Amino acid sequence: MRPDDWHLTGDVDEFLARAGDFLRSRPGPHVMQLTWAERVRARGAEAFGTEAPVFGVLERAGEIHATFYRLPPRGLGLSPLTPEQADSLAAPLVALGHSLSRVSADHGTATAFAEAWQRHTGATPKLRDTRLRLYRLGALAPPRPMPPGRGRVLGEQDLEDVMFWCGEFARAVGEDVSIDAGTWAGTRFADKRYTLWETPDGTPVSIAGMNPLIGGQIQVDIVYTPAHLRGRGYAGAVTADVSRAALAAGARDVVLFADLSNPTSNALYQRLGYVRLADWAVYDFAQAGDGTP
């Protein structure tokens, strides 16, 4: 595998024209590639900082083998790669002067690239403690019985409620993001549709969101219940409601990520019919000699 087999571009439309069919052929493993390419296409590259995004396609003899995206605030995202392919990508990125803060991919790919990047640059990779599992919906199995209440889809008139709940979720999972009317449009939360589970008296108790339909697939993201309301079936109810809505919207595949350190949520999603696709990992890079990310 030669480094010059990688074709790099800053034009997301060119990237999707070249690699779109490849990404859509296996939308589950490519969920982050599809999601972030669509966000750049919809919002414009300038929405993601002063440094332009970079996209790449590994192509030999007219056949696509892998892809990547680099959004400077979010690091490098990879489709599944072999160790040889990972090494063939590290070389041109180094040659072109790219610096990387982190890499995110399925665990095997992320590890292979982190090792290749260290060989080429001396940067020390550090595996994040937070580990995610990517699930795909098989046959939906809603909770029986469902808790009292109903799901309510939130609209534009509910923006204050949406921002409040997303802010609560972000704080709970440790995301460093400012969510208010001035910053909302630039957050990853802004392009989702949200459903609140409400008790019979109208009290909101749990929320779930779903991304737009991309490549025939919808990602359920986020799912959140305040700590004092957990254990009552609300998360299962709202996740089932959103999963059903995703299928009704035409999704052939419905996927979601779960934190592996939370056995309760992982067990819940499996009861609802979600099956494991891959384990996900993020490596941060410390530059050789200074120990800083």
C-alpha atoms as a PDB file:
ATOM      1  CA  MET A   1       0.000   0.000   0.000  1.00  0.00           C
ATOM      2  CA  ARG A   2       1.575   3.270  -1.140  1.00  0.00           C
ATOM      3  CA  PRO A   3       1.014   6.647   0.550  1.00  0.00           C
ATOM      4  CA  ASP A   4       0.136   8.150  -2.830  1.00  0.00           C
ATOM      5  CA  ASP A   5      -2.910   5.854  -3.018  1.00  0.00           C
ATOM      6  CA  TRP A   6      -4.571   8.322  -0.625  1.00  0.00           C
ATOM      7  CA  HIS A   7      -6.396  11.193  -2.359  1.00  0.00           C
ATOM      8  CA  LEU A   8      -6.839  14.244  -0.095  1.00  0.00           C
ATOM      9  CA  THR A   9      -9.243  17.120  -0.620  1.00  0.00           C
ATOM     10  CA  GLY A  10     -10.750  20.026   1.265  1.00  0.00           C
ATOM     11  CA  ASP A  11     -13.918  19.830  -0.854  1.00  0.00           C
ATOM     12  CA  VAL A  12     -16.599  17.773   0.886  1.00  0.00           C
ATOM     13  CA  ASP A  13     -18.661  17.486  -2.307  1.00  0.00           C
ATOM     14  CA  GLU A  14     -15.693  15.996  -4.119  1.00  0.00           C
ATOM     15  CA  PHE A  15     -15.158  13.600  -1.220  1.00  0.00           C
ATOM     16  CA  LEU A  16     -18.781  12.441  -1.244  1.00  0.00           C
ATOM     17  CA  ALA A  17     -18.832  12.126  -5.044  1.00  0.00           C
ATOM     18  CA  ARG A  18     -15.811   9.829  -4.870  1.00  0.00           C
ATOM     19  CA  ALA A  19     -16.565   7.891  -1.683  1.00  0.00           C
ATOM     20  CA  GLY A  20     -20.313   8.248  -1.088  1.00  0.00           C
ATOM     21  CA  ASP A  21     -21.306   4.858  -2.510  1.00  0.00           C
ATOM     22  CA  PHE A  22     -18.556   3.164  -0.498  1.00  0.00           C
ATOM     23  CA  LEU A  23     -19.695   4.832   2.744  1.00  0.00           C
ATOM     24  CA  ARG A  24     -23.366   4.059   2.134  1.00  0.00           C
ATOM     25  CA  SER A  25     -22.589   0.404   1.367  1.00  0.00           C
ATOM     26  CA  ARG A  26     -21.775  -0.118   5.084  1.00  0.00           C
ATOM     27  CA  PRO A  27     -23.386   2.837   6.842  1.00  0.00           C
ATOM     28  CA  GLY A  28     -22.988   1.449  10.376  1.00  0.00           C
ATOM     29  CA  PRO A  29     -19.165   1.378  10.539  1.00  0.00           C
ATOM     30  CA  HIS A  30     -19.120   4.635   8.554  1.00  0.00           C
ATOM     31  CA  VAL A  31     -21.613   6.514  10.723  1.00  0.00           C
ATOM     32  CA  MET A  32     -19.153   9.210  11.788  1.00  0.00           C
ATOM     33  CA  GLN A  33     -17.783   9.657   8.260  1.00  0.00           C
ATOM     34  CA  LEU A  34     -21.296  10.160   6.888  1.00  0.00           C
ATOM     35  CA  THR A  35     -22.438  12.371   9.766  1.00  0.00           C
ATOM     36  CA  TRP A  36     -19.529  14.818   9.763  1.00  0.00           C
ATOM     37  CA  ALA A  37     -19.301  15.019   5.983  1.00  0.00           C
ATOM     38  CA  GLU A  38     -22.991  15.934   5.887  1.00  0.00           C
ATOM     39  CA  ARG A  39     -22.539  18.548   8.633  1.00  0.00           C
ATOM     40  CA  VAL A  40     -19.693  20.182   6.728  1.00  0.00           C
ATOM     41  CA  ARG A  41     -21.740  20.062   3.517  1.00  0.00           C
ATOM     42  CA  ALA A  42     -24.813  21.568   5.206  1.00  0.00           C
ATOM     43  CA  ARG A  43     -23.125  24.205   7.396  1.00  0.00           C
ATOM     44  CA  GLY A  44     -20.055  25.052   5.343  1.00  0.00           C
ATOM     45  CA  ALA A  45     -16.416  24.448   6.219  1.00  0.00           C
ATOM     46  CA  GLU A  46     -16.132  27.809   7.968  1.00  0.00           C
ATOM     47  CA  ALA A  47     -18.529  26.581  10.670  1.00  0.00           C
ATOM     48  CA  PHE A  48     -15.783  24.356  12.053  1.00  0.00           C
ATOM     49  CA  GLY A  49     -13.036  26.874  12.681  1.00  0.00           C
ATOM     50  CA  THR A  50     -10.408  28.764  10.772  1.00  0.00           C
ATOM     51  CA  GLU A  51      -8.466  25.663   9.730  1.00  0.00           C
ATOM     52  CA  ALA A  52     -10.119  23.925   6.789  1.00  0.00           C
ATOM     53  CA  PRO A  53     -11.378  20.340   7.066  1.00  0.00           C
ATOM     54  CA  VAL A  54      -9.541  17.664   5.099  1.00  0.00           C
ATOM     55  CA  PHE A  55     -11.082  14.509   3.669  1.00  0.00           C
ATOM     56  CA  GLY A  56      -9.289  11.522   2.222  1.00  0.00           C
ATOM     57  CA  VAL A  57     -10.024   8.444   0.141  1.00  0.00           C
ATOM     58  CA  LEU A  58      -7.852   5.356  -0.260  1.00  0.00           C
ATOM     59  CA  GLU A  59      -8.286   4.218  -3.845  1.00  0.00           C
ATOM     60  CA  ARG A  60      -6.455   1.677  -5.965  1.00  0.00           C
ATOM     61  CA  ALA A  61      -7.396   0.606  -9.516  1.00  0.00           C
ATOM     62  CA  GLY A  62     -10.687   2.501  -9.222  1.00  0.00           C
ATOM     63  CA  GLU A  63     -11.748   0.722  -6.023  1.00  0.00           C
ATOM     64  CA  ILE A  64     -12.334   2.563  -2.730  1.00  0.00           C
ATOM     65  CA  HIS A  65     -10.843   0.835   0.324  1.00  0.00           C
ATOM     66  CA  ALA A  66     -11.079   3.393   3.148  1.00  0.00           C
ATOM     67  CA  THR A  67     -11.705   7.043   4.039  1.00  0.00           C
ATOM     68  CA  PHE A  68     -10.896   9.636   6.679  1.00  0.00           C
ATOM     69  CA  TYR A  69     -11.913  13.112   7.759  1.00  0.00           C
ATOM     70  CA  ARG A  70      -9.888  15.643   9.715  1.00  0.00           C
ATOM     71  CA  LEU A  71     -11.786  18.393  11.505  1.00  0.00           C
ATOM     72  CA  PRO A  72      -9.156  20.261  13.547  1.00  0.00           C
ATOM     73  CA  PRO A  73     -11.381  20.752  16.608  1.00  0.00           C
ATOM     74  CA  ARG A  74     -12.358  17.064  16.544  1.00  0.00           C
ATOM     75  CA  GLY A  75      -9.147  15.428  15.338  1.00  0.00           C
ATOM     76  CA  LEU A  76      -9.003  12.570  12.849  1.00  0.00           C
ATOM     77  CA  GLY A  77     -11.880  10.176  12.160  1.00  0.00           C
ATOM     78  CA  LEU A  78     -11.232   6.941  10.295  1.00  0.00           C
ATOM     79  CA  SER A  79     -13.199   4.266   8.524  1.00  0.00           C
ATOM     80  CA  PRO A  80     -12.029   0.704   9.304  1.00  0.00           C
ATOM     81  CA  LEU A  81      -8.340   0.299   8.315  1.00  0.00           C
ATOM     82  CA  THR A  82      -5.806  -2.495   8.337  1.00  0.00           C
ATOM     83  CA  PRO A  83      -2.471  -1.749  10.056  1.00  0.00           C
ATOM     84  CA  GLU A  84      -0.878  -1.418   6.589  1.00  0.00           C
ATOM     85  CA  GLN A  85      -3.515   1.078   5.492  1.00  0.00           C
ATOM     86  CA  ALA A  86      -3.109   3.031   8.736  1.00  0.00           C
ATOM     87  CA  ASP A  87       0.634   3.301   8.155  1.00  0.00           C
ATOM     88  CA  SER A  88       0.102   4.383   4.543  1.00  0.00           C
ATOM     89  CA  LEU A  89      -2.097   7.248   5.807  1.00  0.00           C
ATOM     90  CA  ALA A  90       0.226   8.428   8.567  1.00  0.00           C
ATOM     91  CA  ALA A  91       3.092   8.957   6.105  1.00  0.00           C
ATOM     92  CA  PRO A  92       1.411  11.542   3.794  1.00  0.00           C
ATOM     93  CA  LEU A  93      -0.175  13.382   6.718  1.00  0.00           C
ATOM     94  CA  VAL A  94       3.250  13.819   8.281  1.00  0.00           C
ATOM     95  CA  ALA A  95       4.782  14.796   4.929  1.00  0.00           C
ATOM     96  CA  LEU A  96       2.104  17.474   4.448  1.00  0.00           C
ATOM     97  CA  GLY A  97       2.749  18.909   7.927  1.00  0.00           C
ATOM     98  CA  HIS A  98      -0.508  17.870   9.568  1.00  0.00           C
ATOM     99  CA  SER A  99      -0.535  17.816  13.354  1.00  0.00           C
ATOM    100  CA  LEU A 100      -3.117  15.702  15.158  1.00  0.00           C
ATOM    101  CA  SER A 101      -4.617  16.071  18.603  1.00  0.00           C
ATOM    102  CA  ARG A 102      -6.450  12.748  18.536  1.00  0.00           C
ATOM    103  CA  VAL A 103      -7.833   9.913  16.443  1.00  0.00           C
ATOM    104  CA  SER A 104     -11.255   8.286  16.720  1.00  0.00           C
ATOM    105  CA  ALA A 105     -12.339   5.004  15.108  1.00  0.00           C
ATOM    106  CA  ASP A 106     -13.231   1.422  15.848  1.00  0.00           C
ATOM    107  CA  HIS A 107     -10.807   0.094  18.448  1.00  0.00           C
ATOM    108  CA  GLY A 108      -8.611  -1.920  16.083  1.00  0.00           C
ATOM    109  CA  THR A 109      -8.299   0.900  13.569  1.00  0.00           C
ATOM    110  CA  ALA A 110      -7.661   3.584  16.190  1.00  0.00           C
ATOM    111  CA  THR A 111      -4.948   1.457  17.788  1.00  0.00           C
ATOM    112  CA  ALA A 112      -3.275   0.690  14.459  1.00  0.00           C
ATOM    113  CA  PHE A 113      -3.211   4.351  13.486  1.00  0.00           C
ATOM    114  CA  ALA A 114      -2.019   5.507  16.923  1.00  0.00           C
ATOM    115  CA  GLU A 115       0.922   3.122  16.667  1.00  0.00           C
ATOM    116  CA  ALA A 116       1.689   4.260  13.107  1.00  0.00           C
ATOM    117  CA  TRP A 117       1.499   7.926  14.110  1.00  0.00           C
ATOM    118  CA  GLN A 118       3.889   7.330  16.980  1.00  0.00           C
ATOM    119  CA  ARG A 119       6.361   5.605  14.638  1.00  0.00           C
ATOM    120  CA  HIS A 120       6.242   8.497  12.176  1.00  0.00           C
ATOM    121  CA  THR A 121       6.183  11.416  14.621  1.00  0.00           C
ATOM    122  CA  GLY A 122       7.260  10.274  18.074  1.00  0.00           C
ATOM    123  CA  ALA A 123       3.969  11.540  19.516  1.00  0.00           C
ATOM    124  CA  THR A 124       2.806   9.406  22.428  1.00  0.00           C
ATOM    125  CA  PRO A 125      -0.763   8.061  22.127  1.00  0.00           C
ATOM    126  CA  LYS A 126      -2.939   7.852  25.237  1.00  0.00           C
ATOM    127  CA  LEU A 127      -6.106   5.780  25.151  1.00  0.00           C
ATOM    128  CA  ARG A 128      -9.061   7.611  26.689  1.00  0.00           C
ATOM    129  CA  ASP A 129     -10.763   5.951  29.614  1.00  0.00           C
ATOM    130  CA  THR A 130     -14.189   6.434  28.007  1.00  0.00           C
ATOM    131  CA  ARG A 131     -14.895   3.523  25.692  1.00  0.00           C
ATOM    132  CA  LEU A 132     -17.936   3.350  23.453  1.00  0.00           C
ATOM    133  CA  ARG A 133     -19.800   0.515  21.795  1.00  0.00           C
ATOM    134  CA  LEU A 134     -21.617   1.022  18.508  1.00  0.00           C
ATOM    135  CA  TYR A 135     -24.934  -0.806  18.252  1.00  0.00           C
ATOM    136  CA  ARG A 136     -27.262  -1.436  15.310  1.00  0.00           C
ATOM    137  CA  LEU A 137     -30.977  -2.062  15.726  1.00  0.00           C
ATOM    138  CA  GLY A 138     -32.142  -5.566  14.826  1.00  0.00           C
ATOM    139  CA  ALA A 139     -35.818  -6.214  15.598  1.00  0.00           C
ATOM    140  CA  LEU A 140     -37.195  -3.487  17.849  1.00  0.00           C
ATOM    141  CA  ALA A 141     -38.564  -4.874  21.132  1.00  0.00           C
ATOM    142  CA  PRO A 142     -40.269  -2.036  23.069  1.00  0.00           C
ATOM    143  CA  PRO A 143     -40.415  -2.370  26.869  1.00  0.00           C
ATOM    144  CA  ARG A 144     -43.322  -4.347  28.282  1.00  0.00           C
ATOM    145  CA  PRO A 145     -44.975  -2.810  30.130  1.00  0.00           C
ATOM    146  CA  MET A 146     -44.260   0.746  29.080  1.00  0.00           C
ATOM    147  CA  PRO A 147     -44.093   3.281  31.914  1.00  0.00           C
ATOM    148  CA  PRO A 148     -47.058   5.629  32.244  1.00  0.00           C
ATOM    149  CA  GLY A 149     -46.884   8.639  29.935  1.00  0.00           C
ATOM    150  CA  ARG A 150     -46.127   9.375  26.306  1.00  0.00           C
ATOM    151  CA  GLY A 151     -43.466  10.677  23.980  1.00  0.00           C
ATOM    152  CA  ARG A 152     -43.755  14.245  22.693  1.00  0.00           C
ATOM    153  CA  VAL A 153     -41.743  15.402  19.685  1.00  0.00           C
ATOM    154  CA  LEU A 154     -40.176  18.811  20.295  1.00  0.00           C
ATOM    155  CA  GLY A 155     -40.450  21.507  17.648  1.00  0.00           C
ATOM    156  CA  GLU A 156     -38.985  24.948  17.009  1.00  0.00           C
ATOM    157  CA  GLN A 157     -41.256  26.413  19.681  1.00  0.00           C
ATOM    158  CA  ASP A 158     -39.559  24.150  22.233  1.00  0.00           C
ATOM    159  CA  LEU A 159     -35.993  25.392  21.640  1.00  0.00           C
ATOM    160  CA  GLU A 160     -35.537  26.574  25.245  1.00  0.00           C
ATOM    161  CA  ASP A 161     -36.509  23.127  26.519  1.00  0.00           C
ATOM    162  CA  VAL A 162     -34.217  21.426  24.000  1.00  0.00           C
ATOM    163  CA  MET A 163     -31.242  23.582  24.983  1.00  0.00           C
ATOM    164  CA  PHE A 164     -31.880  22.950  28.663  1.00  0.00           C
ATOM    165  CA  TRP A 165     -31.996  19.169  28.250  1.00  0.00           C
ATOM    166  CA  CYS A 166     -28.968  19.083  25.943  1.00  0.00           C
ATOM    167  CA  GLY A 167     -27.060  21.195  28.443  1.00  0.00           C
ATOM    168  CA  GLU A 168     -27.969  18.763  31.220  1.00  0.00           C
ATOM    169  CA  PHE A 169     -26.828  15.840  29.064  1.00  0.00           C
ATOM    170  CA  ALA A 170     -23.549  17.564  28.160  1.00  0.00           C
ATOM    171  CA  ARG A 171     -22.759  18.243  31.816  1.00  0.00           C
ATOM    172  CA  ALA A 172     -23.606  14.672  32.782  1.00  0.00           C
ATOM    173  CA  VAL A 173     -21.199  13.176  30.225  1.00  0.00           C
ATOM    174  CA  GLY A 174     -18.472  15.796  30.668  1.00  0.00           C
ATOM    175  CA  GLU A 175     -18.746  17.502  27.268  1.00  0.00           C
ATOM    176  CA  ASP A 176     -17.090  20.915  27.278  1.00  0.00           C
ATOM    177  CA  VAL A 177     -19.657  22.873  25.299  1.00  0.00           C
ATOM    178  CA  SER A 178     -21.571  26.102  25.743  1.00  0.00           C
ATOM    179  CA  ILE A 179     -25.259  25.746  24.895  1.00  0.00           C
ATOM    180  CA  ASP A 180     -27.338  28.900  24.632  1.00  0.00           C
ATOM    181  CA  ALA A 181     -29.198  30.848  21.962  1.00  0.00           C
ATOM    182  CA  GLY A 182     -25.970  32.359  20.658  1.00  0.00           C
ATOM    183  CA  THR A 183     -23.986  29.126  20.349  1.00  0.00           C
ATOM    184  CA  TRP A 184     -26.744  26.604  19.641  1.00  0.00           C
ATOM    185  CA  ALA A 185     -26.499  26.557  15.834  1.00  0.00           C
ATOM    186  CA  GLY A 186     -22.820  25.640  15.954  1.00  0.00           C
ATOM    187  CA  THR A 187     -23.162  22.704  18.336  1.00  0.00           C
ATOM    188  CA  ARG A 188     -23.493  19.060  17.367  1.00  0.00           C
ATOM    189  CA  PHE A 189     -26.902  19.082  19.043  1.00  0.00           C
ATOM    190  CA  ALA A 190     -28.561  21.507  16.647  1.00  0.00           C
ATOM    191  CA  ASP A 191     -29.357  19.195  13.737  1.00  0.00           C
ATOM    192  CA  LYS A 192     -31.271  16.558  15.721  1.00  0.00           C
ATOM    193  CA  ARG A 193     -34.954  15.920  16.327  1.00  0.00           C
ATOM    194  CA  TYR A 194     -35.819  15.390  19.988  1.00  0.00           C
ATOM    195  CA  THR A 195     -38.528  13.511  21.827  1.00  0.00           C
ATOM    196  CA  LEU A 196     -39.375  14.030  25.502  1.00  0.00           C
ATOM    197  CA  TRP A 197     -41.012  11.293  27.546  1.00  0.00           C
ATOM    198  CA  GLU A 198     -43.658  12.913  29.747  1.00  0.00           C
ATOM    199  CA  THR A 199     -45.583  11.443  32.648  1.00  0.00           C
ATOM    200  CA  PRO A 200     -49.390  11.553  32.479  1.00  0.00           C
ATOM    201  CA  ASP A 201     -49.411  14.978  34.185  1.00  0.00           C
ATOM    202  CA  GLY A 202     -47.041  16.401  31.535  1.00  0.00           C
ATOM    203  CA  THR A 203     -43.822  16.314  33.581  1.00  0.00           C
ATOM    204  CA  PRO A 204     -40.777  15.738  31.308  1.00  0.00           C
ATOM    205  CA  VAL A 205     -38.594  12.895  32.617  1.00  0.00           C
ATOM    206  CA  SER A 206     -36.350  11.671  29.785  1.00  0.00           C
ATOM    207  CA  ILE A 207     -35.151  12.783  26.361  1.00  0.00           C
ATOM    208  CA  ALA A 208     -33.791  11.121  23.230  1.00  0.00           C
ATOM    209  CA  GLY A 209     -32.639  12.649  19.979  1.00  0.00           C
ATOM    210  CA  MET A 210     -31.968  11.372  16.508  1.00  0.00           C
ATOM    211  CA  ASN A 211     -29.782  12.663  13.710  1.00  0.00           C
ATOM    212  CA  PRO A 212     -31.131  13.295  10.200  1.00  0.00           C
ATOM    213  CA  LEU A 213     -31.427  10.419   7.751  1.00  0.00           C
ATOM    214  CA  ILE A 214     -28.014  10.081   6.079  1.00  0.00           C
ATOM    215  CA  GLY A 215     -27.096   7.284   3.702  1.00  0.00           C
ATOM    216  CA  GLY A 216     -30.235   5.351   4.610  1.00  0.00           C
ATOM    217  CA  GLN A 217     -29.266   5.402   8.293  1.00  0.00           C
ATOM    218  CA  ILE A 218     -30.317   7.320  11.410  1.00  0.00           C
ATOM    219  CA  GLN A 219     -28.217   7.586  14.562  1.00  0.00           C
ATOM    220  CA  VAL A 220     -30.062   7.805  17.891  1.00  0.00           C
ATOM    221  CA  ASP A 221     -28.151  10.438  19.857  1.00  0.00           C
ATOM    222  CA  ILE A 222     -28.691  11.580  22.670  1.00  0.00           C
ATOM    223  CA  VAL A 223     -30.461   9.552  25.434  1.00  0.00           C
ATOM    224  CA  TYR A 224     -30.645  11.130  28.890  1.00  0.00           C
ATOM    225  CA  THR A 225     -32.638  10.736  32.094  1.00  0.00           C
ATOM    226  CA  PRO A 226     -31.805  12.780  35.224  1.00  0.00           C
ATOM    227  CA  ALA A 227     -30.194  10.634  37.905  1.00  0.00           C
ATOM    228  CA  HIS A 228     -33.080  10.927  40.368  1.00  0.00           C
ATOM    229  CA  LEU A 229     -35.555   9.626  37.755  1.00  0.00           C
ATOM    230  CA  ARG A 230     -33.623   6.584  36.571  1.00  0.00           C
ATOM    231  CA  GLY A 231     -34.738   3.000  37.082  1.00  0.00           C
ATOM    232  CA  ARG A 232     -38.366   3.692  36.167  1.00  0.00           C
ATOM    233  CA  GLY A 233     -38.291   2.666  32.494  1.00  0.00           C
ATOM    234  CA  TYR A 234     -38.303   6.173  31.040  1.00  0.00           C
ATOM    235  CA  ALA A 235     -35.075   5.817  29.032  1.00  0.00           C
ATOM    236  CA  GLY A 236     -36.268   2.561  27.488  1.00  0.00           C
ATOM    237  CA  ALA A 237     -39.600   4.103  26.566  1.00  0.00           C
ATOM    238  CA  VAL A 238     -38.187   7.204  24.920  1.00  0.00           C
ATOM    239  CA  THR A 239     -35.442   5.262  23.122  1.00  0.00           C
ATOM    240  CA  ALA A 240     -38.010   2.835  21.737  1.00  0.00           C
ATOM    241  CA  ASP A 241     -40.186   5.774  20.675  1.00  0.00           C
ATOM    242  CA  VAL A 242     -37.323   7.444  18.809  1.00  0.00           C
ATOM    243  CA  SER A 243     -36.142   4.153  17.294  1.00  0.00           C
ATOM    244  CA  ARG A 244     -39.645   3.539  15.965  1.00  0.00           C
ATOM    245  CA  ALA A 245     -39.732   7.083  14.562  1.00  0.00           C
ATOM    246  CA  ALA A 246     -36.388   6.503  12.825  1.00  0.00           C
ATOM    247  CA  LEU A 247     -37.749   3.412  11.092  1.00  0.00           C
ATOM    248  CA  ALA A 248     -40.910   5.306  10.119  1.00  0.00           C
ATOM    249  CA  ALA A 249     -38.708   8.048   8.622  1.00  0.00           C
ATOM    250  CA  GLY A 250     -37.262   5.490   6.193  1.00  0.00           C
ATOM    251  CA  ALA A 251     -34.080   4.387   7.933  1.00  0.00           C
ATOM    252  CA  ARG A 252     -32.825   0.988   6.797  1.00  0.00           C
ATOM    253  CA  ASP A 253     -30.360   1.048   9.683  1.00  0.00           C
ATOM    254  CA  VAL A 254     -30.675   2.627  13.133  1.00  0.00           C
ATOM    255  CA  VAL A 255     -27.520   2.906  15.239  1.00  0.00           C
ATOM    256  CA  LEU A 256     -26.419   4.344  18.555  1.00  0.00           C
ATOM    257  CA  PHE A 257     -23.343   4.572  20.779  1.00  0.00           C
ATOM    258  CA  ALA A 258     -23.267   3.503  24.429  1.00  0.00           C
ATOM    259  CA  ASP A 259     -20.634   4.071  27.100  1.00  0.00           C
ATOM    260  CA  LEU A 260     -19.147   0.676  27.949  1.00  0.00           C
ATOM    261  CA  SER A 261     -18.625   1.765  31.550  1.00  0.00           C
ATOM    262  CA  ASN A 262     -22.418   1.911  31.985  1.00  0.00           C
ATOM    263  CA  PRO A 263     -23.724  -1.684  32.045  1.00  0.00           C
ATOM    264  CA  THR A 264     -27.273  -0.486  32.662  1.00  0.00           C
ATOM    265  CA  SER A 265     -27.578   1.420  29.394  1.00  0.00           C
ATOM    266  CA  ASN A 266     -25.831  -1.331  27.421  1.00  0.00           C
ATOM    267  CA  ALA A 267     -28.222  -3.938  28.808  1.00  0.00           C
ATOM    268  CA  LEU A 268     -31.173  -1.669  28.060  1.00  0.00           C
ATOM    269  CA  TYR A 269     -30.257  -1.186  24.406  1.00  0.00           C
ATOM    270  CA  GLN A 270     -29.753  -4.915  23.966  1.00  0.00           C
ATOM    271  CA  ARG A 271     -33.199  -5.598  25.445  1.00  0.00           C
ATOM    272  CA  LEU A 272     -34.637  -3.133  22.931  1.00  0.00           C
ATOM    273  CA  GLY A 273     -33.128  -5.130  20.083  1.00  0.00           C
ATOM    274  CA  TYR A 274     -29.792  -3.403  19.466  1.00  0.00           C
ATOM    275  CA  VAL A 275     -26.823  -5.630  18.600  1.00  0.00           C
ATOM    276  CA  ARG A 276     -23.106  -4.871  18.794  1.00  0.00           C
ATOM    277  CA  LEU A 277     -21.386  -3.604  15.663  1.00  0.00           C
ATOM    278  CA  ALA A 278     -18.014  -2.431  16.973  1.00  0.00           C
ATOM    279  CA  ASP A 279     -16.165  -1.068  19.975  1.00  0.00           C
ATOM    280  CA  TRP A 280     -14.908   2.496  19.580  1.00  0.00           C
ATOM    281  CA  ALA A 281     -11.772   4.160  20.911  1.00  0.00           C
ATOM    282  CA  VAL A 282     -10.165   7.591  21.030  1.00  0.00           C
ATOM    283  CA  TYR A 283      -6.410   8.166  21.391  1.00  0.00           C
ATOM    284  CA  ASP A 284      -5.030  11.585  22.331  1.00  0.00           C
ATOM    285  CA  PHE A 285      -1.531  12.464  21.131  1.00  0.00           C
ATOM    286  CA  ALA A 286       1.129  14.094  23.297  1.00  0.00           C
ATOM    287  CA  GLN A 287       3.897  15.710  21.272  1.00  0.00           C
ATOM    288  CA  ALA A 288       7.325  14.158  21.731  1.00  0.00           C
ATOM    289  CA  GLY A 289       9.301  15.981  24.398  1.00  0.00           C
ATOM    290  CA  ASP A 290       6.605  18.119  26.012  1.00  0.00           C
ATOM    291  CA  GLY A 291       4.002  15.659  27.310  1.00  0.00           C
ATOM    292  CA  THR A 292       1.072  17.880  26.333  1.00  0.00           C
ATOM    293  CA  PRO A 293      -1.879  16.809  24.137  1.00  0.00           C
END
